[in-house]
Structures are given as C-alpha cells and as structure tokens.
Amino acid sequence: MKCTLCGTLSVDKPQMGIYSEFEAISMDYKNATEFRKNLFASLEKIVEFEEVMTVTTKKGNAVIMSEKEYKGLMETLSLLGQPGFLERIKEVEEGKEDDFVEINAEKGL
C-alpha cells in the first residue's frame, strides 16, 4: 500500500517498508570523479526529473536529490512521526472519510 501523501512509502510496514521502497526507485550511481566531471549536467538532471543520485567515494556514499524531493521527504517523515497518523490514513482508505473528518474536527485538526 502506498502513502497517500507521497505515493512512495508503505503505510503497512513503515519501519521495514521505507528503505525497501526507496531501494526500488531507480537511482543513478556515479563515482565522485565522474560526478565532478559532469557536475552541472548531473544537478540539472536531478532537479528537472526529480531524480535521486548516489555519489560513491572510498569513505562512503552521498545521496543527492532535488530540494523539492528533500522537502517532500521531510514533510512525509514529520507526518509519519505523528501519533495515530497511519491509523487515520487507513481509516480514509477503508472508506471512513466522514468519520475521519469528524474525528479531526473534534480534535481541532
């Protein structure tokens, strides 16, 4: 099941699903030398097509993504960290939209 907010995260298994879902996304890998040679073209591609790129080095890897992707990821993580959020999403997906709206109205959300 996909997250209704970003479409990429599993709402069934947030602890296990998040990493595996991101691994399923096609990610471009470049070593640091290759990335440095094509820096501007790589950055334009990342921003324009909202891609994620991993730059590999001897000391570890770095992941580069567009600001839009980063902000979306941070927003999703923030929402998923709120107690009861996943349960509320499941209620909506099960057709309990009216209850969802009423419950949130009662809570001032």
N, C-alpha and C. Protein backbone atom coordinates (compact mmCIF):
# COMPACT_ATOMS: atom_id res chain seq x y z
N MET A 1 0.84 -1.18 0.00
CA MET A 1 0.00 0.00 0.00
C MET A 1 0.89 1.24 0.00
N LYS A 2 0.55 2.23 -0.80
CA LYS A 2 1.35 3.44 -0.92
C LYS A 2 0.80 4.54 -0.02
N CYS A 3 1.70 5.40 0.42
CA CYS A 3 1.32 6.55 1.22
C CYS A 3 0.49 7.49 0.36
N THR A 4 -0.62 7.98 0.88
CA THR A 4 -1.48 8.88 0.11
C THR A 4 -0.86 10.26 -0.05
N LEU A 5 0.18 10.55 0.70
CA LEU A 5 0.81 11.86 0.60
C LEU A 5 1.89 11.91 -0.48
N CYS A 6 2.78 10.93 -0.48
CA CYS A 6 3.89 10.98 -1.43
C CYS A 6 3.87 9.86 -2.44
N GLY A 7 3.08 8.82 -2.20
CA GLY A 7 2.96 7.73 -3.15
C GLY A 7 4.12 6.76 -3.17
N THR A 8 5.08 6.92 -2.25
CA THR A 8 6.24 6.03 -2.31
C THR A 8 6.43 5.20 -1.05
N LEU A 9 5.88 5.60 0.04
CA LEU A 9 6.14 4.90 1.28
C LEU A 9 5.03 3.93 1.60
N SER A 10 5.40 2.80 2.17
CA SER A 10 4.42 1.80 2.56
C SER A 10 3.79 2.18 3.88
N VAL A 11 2.46 2.24 3.94
CA VAL A 11 1.81 2.54 5.20
C VAL A 11 1.59 1.29 6.02
N ASP A 12 1.72 0.13 5.41
CA ASP A 12 1.55 -1.12 6.15
C ASP A 12 2.74 -1.42 7.05
N LYS A 13 3.95 -1.16 6.56
CA LYS A 13 5.15 -1.51 7.30
C LYS A 13 6.12 -0.32 7.30
N PRO A 14 5.85 0.74 8.07
CA PRO A 14 6.70 1.91 7.99
C PRO A 14 8.15 1.64 8.39
N GLN A 15 8.38 0.75 9.35
CA GLN A 15 9.75 0.50 9.77
C GLN A 15 10.54 -0.25 8.70
N MET A 16 9.92 -1.22 8.05
CA MET A 16 10.61 -2.04 7.09
C MET A 16 10.38 -1.55 5.66
N GLY A 17 9.24 -0.92 5.40
CA GLY A 17 8.87 -0.57 4.05
C GLY A 17 9.58 0.64 3.49
N ILE A 18 9.96 1.58 4.33
CA ILE A 18 10.53 2.81 3.84
C ILE A 18 11.81 2.55 3.06
N TYR A 19 12.77 1.89 3.66
CA TYR A 19 14.06 1.69 3.00
C TYR A 19 13.90 0.84 1.75
N SER A 20 13.14 -0.24 1.84
CA SER A 20 12.99 -1.11 0.69
C SER A 20 12.26 -0.40 -0.45
N GLU A 21 11.32 0.48 -0.14
CA GLU A 21 10.63 1.21 -1.19
C GLU A 21 11.59 2.15 -1.91
N PHE A 22 12.47 2.81 -1.16
CA PHE A 22 13.43 3.70 -1.80
C PHE A 22 14.43 2.93 -2.64
N GLU A 23 14.81 1.74 -2.19
CA GLU A 23 15.73 0.92 -2.97
C GLU A 23 15.11 0.53 -4.30
N ALA A 24 13.79 0.45 -4.36
CA ALA A 24 13.12 0.07 -5.60
C ALA A 24 13.12 1.21 -6.61
N ILE A 25 13.33 2.44 -6.15
CA ILE A 25 13.38 3.58 -7.04
C ILE A 25 14.68 3.51 -7.84
N SER A 26 14.57 3.79 -9.12
CA SER A 26 15.76 3.78 -9.96
C SER A 26 16.68 4.91 -9.54
N MET A 27 17.84 4.55 -9.04
CA MET A 27 18.79 5.53 -8.55
C MET A 27 20.05 5.46 -9.40
N ASP A 28 20.52 6.61 -9.81
CA ASP A 28 21.73 6.71 -10.60
C ASP A 28 22.94 6.70 -9.67
N TYR A 29 23.93 5.87 -9.96
CA TYR A 29 25.16 5.80 -9.17
C TYR A 29 26.32 6.33 -9.99
N LYS A 30 27.09 7.22 -9.39
CA LYS A 30 28.29 7.74 -10.05
C LYS A 30 29.39 7.82 -9.01
N ASN A 31 30.61 7.56 -9.45
CA ASN A 31 31.72 7.78 -8.52
C ASN A 31 32.01 9.28 -8.48
N ALA A 32 32.75 9.70 -7.48
CA ALA A 32 32.98 11.13 -7.26
C ALA A 32 33.66 11.80 -8.45
N THR A 33 34.60 11.12 -9.07
CA THR A 33 35.31 11.69 -10.22
C THR A 33 34.36 11.92 -11.38
N GLU A 34 33.54 10.94 -11.68
CA GLU A 34 32.56 11.07 -12.77
C GLU A 34 31.55 12.16 -12.45
N PHE A 35 31.10 12.22 -11.21
CA PHE A 35 30.15 13.25 -10.80
C PHE A 35 30.77 14.64 -10.95
N ARG A 36 32.00 14.80 -10.51
CA ARG A 36 32.70 16.09 -10.60
C ARG A 36 32.83 16.55 -12.06
N LYS A 37 33.14 15.61 -12.96
CA LYS A 37 33.28 15.95 -14.38
C LYS A 37 31.97 16.44 -14.98
N ASN A 38 30.87 15.90 -14.51
CA ASN A 38 29.55 16.22 -15.07
C ASN A 38 28.66 16.92 -14.04
N LEU A 39 29.26 17.72 -13.17
CA LEU A 39 28.54 18.31 -12.05
C LEU A 39 27.27 19.04 -12.47
N PHE A 40 27.38 20.01 -13.36
CA PHE A 40 26.22 20.83 -13.71
C PHE A 40 25.15 20.03 -14.44
N ALA A 41 25.56 19.16 -15.35
CA ALA A 41 24.59 18.33 -16.07
C ALA A 41 23.88 17.38 -15.10
N SER A 42 24.63 16.82 -14.16
CA SER A 42 24.03 15.91 -13.18
C SER A 42 23.04 16.64 -12.29
N LEU A 43 23.40 17.83 -11.82
CA LEU A 43 22.50 18.61 -10.96
C LEU A 43 21.24 19.02 -11.71
N GLU A 44 21.39 19.42 -12.96
CA GLU A 44 20.21 19.79 -13.75
C GLU A 44 19.29 18.59 -13.93
N LYS A 45 19.85 17.42 -14.18
CA LYS A 45 19.06 16.20 -14.35
C LYS A 45 18.32 15.86 -13.06
N ILE A 46 19.01 15.98 -11.93
CA ILE A 46 18.40 15.68 -10.63
C ILE A 46 17.23 16.61 -10.36
N VAL A 47 17.40 17.89 -10.62
CA VAL A 47 16.34 18.87 -10.36
C VAL A 47 15.19 18.73 -11.37
N GLU A 48 15.52 18.65 -12.64
CA GLU A 48 14.49 18.62 -13.68
C GLU A 48 13.62 17.37 -13.62
N PHE A 49 14.24 16.22 -13.40
CA PHE A 49 13.50 14.97 -13.43
C PHE A 49 13.23 14.41 -12.03
N GLU A 50 13.54 15.20 -10.99
CA GLU A 50 13.32 14.81 -9.60
C GLU A 50 13.92 13.43 -9.32
N GLU A 51 15.14 13.26 -9.77
CA GLU A 51 15.85 12.00 -9.57
C GLU A 51 16.68 12.05 -8.31
N VAL A 52 17.10 10.88 -7.87
CA VAL A 52 17.98 10.75 -6.73
C VAL A 52 19.26 10.10 -7.24
N MET A 53 20.40 10.65 -6.86
CA MET A 53 21.67 10.13 -7.32
C MET A 53 22.55 9.80 -6.11
N THR A 54 23.24 8.67 -6.20
CA THR A 54 24.20 8.31 -5.17
C THR A 54 25.60 8.52 -5.75
N VAL A 55 26.39 9.30 -5.02
CA VAL A 55 27.78 9.52 -5.41
C VAL A 55 28.63 8.66 -4.49
N THR A 56 29.41 7.77 -5.08
CA THR A 56 30.21 6.84 -4.30
C THR A 56 31.62 7.36 -4.11
N THR A 57 32.15 7.16 -2.90
CA THR A 57 33.54 7.52 -2.61
C THR A 57 34.16 6.39 -1.80
N LYS A 58 35.46 6.48 -1.59
CA LYS A 58 36.16 5.45 -0.82
C LYS A 58 35.73 5.46 0.65
N LYS A 59 35.34 6.62 1.15
CA LYS A 59 34.98 6.74 2.57
C LYS A 59 33.48 6.58 2.83
N GLY A 60 32.70 6.42 1.78
CA GLY A 60 31.26 6.28 1.94
C GLY A 60 30.53 6.94 0.78
N ASN A 61 29.24 6.89 0.83
CA ASN A 61 28.43 7.42 -0.27
C ASN A 61 27.63 8.63 0.19
N ALA A 62 27.26 9.45 -0.79
CA ALA A 62 26.39 10.60 -0.54
C ALA A 62 25.20 10.50 -1.49
N VAL A 63 24.04 10.86 -1.00
CA VAL A 63 22.84 10.85 -1.82
C VAL A 63 22.47 12.29 -2.13
N ILE A 64 22.21 12.56 -3.41
CA ILE A 64 21.87 13.91 -3.84
C ILE A 64 20.47 13.87 -4.44
N MET A 65 19.63 14.80 -4.00
CA MET A 65 18.27 14.89 -4.51
C MET A 65 17.90 16.35 -4.64
N SER A 66 16.82 16.62 -5.37
CA SER A 66 16.37 18.00 -5.53
C SER A 66 15.82 18.53 -4.21
N GLU A 67 15.78 19.83 -4.10
CA GLU A 67 15.22 20.45 -2.90
C GLU A 67 13.75 20.06 -2.74
N LYS A 68 13.03 19.98 -3.84
CA LYS A 68 11.61 19.60 -3.80
C LYS A 68 11.46 18.19 -3.22
N GLU A 69 12.28 17.25 -3.68
CA GLU A 69 12.24 15.88 -3.16
C GLU A 69 12.59 15.86 -1.68
N TYR A 70 13.62 16.61 -1.29
CA TYR A 70 14.05 16.66 0.10
C TYR A 70 12.94 17.19 1.01
N LYS A 71 12.33 18.30 0.60
CA LYS A 71 11.25 18.88 1.41
C LYS A 71 10.07 17.92 1.52
N GLY A 72 9.75 17.25 0.42
CA GLY A 72 8.67 16.26 0.45
C GLY A 72 8.98 15.11 1.38
N LEU A 73 10.22 14.66 1.36
CA LEU A 73 10.64 13.57 2.25
C LEU A 73 10.57 14.01 3.71
N MET A 74 11.04 15.19 4.01
CA MET A 74 11.00 15.70 5.39
C MET A 74 9.56 15.87 5.87
N GLU A 75 8.69 16.35 4.99
CA GLU A 75 7.28 16.51 5.36
C GLU A 75 6.65 15.15 5.65
N THR A 76 6.95 14.17 4.78
CA THR A 76 6.41 12.83 4.97
C THR A 76 6.89 12.22 6.27
N LEU A 77 8.18 12.35 6.56
CA LEU A 77 8.71 11.81 7.81
C LEU A 77 8.09 12.49 9.02
N SER A 78 7.87 13.78 8.92
CA SER A 78 7.24 14.51 10.02
C SER A 78 5.81 14.00 10.25
N LEU A 79 5.07 13.83 9.17
CA LEU A 79 3.70 13.34 9.30
C LEU A 79 3.65 11.92 9.83
N LEU A 80 4.54 11.07 9.33
CA LEU A 80 4.57 9.68 9.79
C LEU A 80 4.97 9.58 11.26
N GLY A 81 5.67 10.59 11.77
CA GLY A 81 6.08 10.60 13.17
C GLY A 81 4.99 11.03 14.13
N GLN A 82 3.88 11.52 13.60
CA GLN A 82 2.78 11.96 14.45
C GLN A 82 1.98 10.75 14.92
N PRO A 83 1.76 10.65 16.22
CA PRO A 83 1.00 9.51 16.76
C PRO A 83 -0.38 9.40 16.11
N GLY A 84 -0.72 8.22 15.67
CA GLY A 84 -2.04 7.95 15.10
C GLY A 84 -2.21 8.33 13.64
N PHE A 85 -1.18 8.89 13.02
CA PHE A 85 -1.32 9.36 11.64
C PHE A 85 -1.60 8.21 10.68
N LEU A 86 -0.85 7.12 10.79
CA LEU A 86 -1.05 5.99 9.89
C LEU A 86 -2.43 5.37 10.06
N GLU A 87 -2.90 5.33 11.29
CA GLU A 87 -4.23 4.81 11.53
C GLU A 87 -5.29 5.67 10.86
N ARG A 88 -5.10 6.99 10.90
CA ARG A 88 -6.06 7.89 10.25
C ARG A 88 -6.05 7.68 8.73
N ILE A 89 -4.87 7.47 8.14
CA ILE A 89 -4.78 7.22 6.70
C ILE A 89 -5.53 5.93 6.36
N LYS A 90 -5.33 4.90 7.16
CA LYS A 90 -6.02 3.63 6.91
C LYS A 90 -7.53 3.79 6.98
N GLU A 91 -8.01 4.61 7.91
CA GLU A 91 -9.45 4.85 8.03
C GLU A 91 -9.99 5.49 6.74
N VAL A 92 -9.26 6.44 6.21
CA VAL A 92 -9.67 7.10 4.97
C VAL A 92 -9.68 6.10 3.83
N GLU A 93 -8.65 5.29 3.73
CA GLU A 93 -8.56 4.31 2.66
C GLU A 93 -9.63 3.23 2.76
N GLU A 94 -10.12 2.98 3.96
CA GLU A 94 -11.18 1.98 4.16
C GLU A 94 -12.57 2.58 3.95
N GLY A 95 -12.64 3.83 3.53
CA GLY A 95 -13.93 4.44 3.23
C GLY A 95 -14.58 5.11 4.41
N LYS A 96 -13.82 5.40 5.44
CA LYS A 96 -14.39 6.06 6.62
C LYS A 96 -14.08 7.56 6.60
N GLU A 97 -14.17 8.17 5.40
CA GLU A 97 -13.80 9.57 5.25
C GLU A 97 -14.61 10.48 6.16
N ASP A 98 -15.93 10.22 6.25
CA ASP A 98 -16.78 11.06 7.09
C ASP A 98 -16.33 11.02 8.54
N ASP A 99 -16.05 9.80 9.03
CA ASP A 99 -15.57 9.65 10.40
C ASP A 99 -14.24 10.37 10.57
N PHE A 100 -13.38 10.26 9.57
CA PHE A 100 -12.06 10.89 9.61
C PHE A 100 -12.20 12.40 9.76
N VAL A 101 -13.07 12.99 8.96
CA VAL A 101 -13.27 14.44 9.02
C VAL A 101 -13.87 14.83 10.37
N GLU A 102 -14.84 14.08 10.84
CA GLU A 102 -15.48 14.40 12.11
C GLU A 102 -14.51 14.25 13.27
N ILE A 103 -13.73 13.20 13.28
CA ILE A 103 -12.75 12.98 14.35
C ILE A 103 -11.74 14.11 14.37
N ASN A 104 -11.22 14.48 13.20
CA ASN A 104 -10.25 15.55 13.14
C ASN A 104 -10.85 16.90 13.51
N ALA A 105 -12.11 17.12 13.16
CA ALA A 105 -12.77 18.37 13.53
C ALA A 105 -12.91 18.46 15.04
N GLU A 106 -13.24 17.30 15.66
CA GLU A 106 -13.37 17.27 17.11
C GLU A 106 -12.02 17.54 17.79
N LYS A 107 -10.95 17.09 17.17
CA LYS A 107 -9.61 17.29 17.74
C LYS A 107 -9.01 18.64 17.36
N GLY A 108 -9.72 19.40 16.50
CA GLY A 108 -9.22 20.69 16.07
C GLY A 108 -8.16 20.58 15.01
N LEU A 109 -8.14 19.49 14.24
CA LEU A 109 -7.15 19.31 13.16
C LEU A 109 -7.72 19.72 11.83
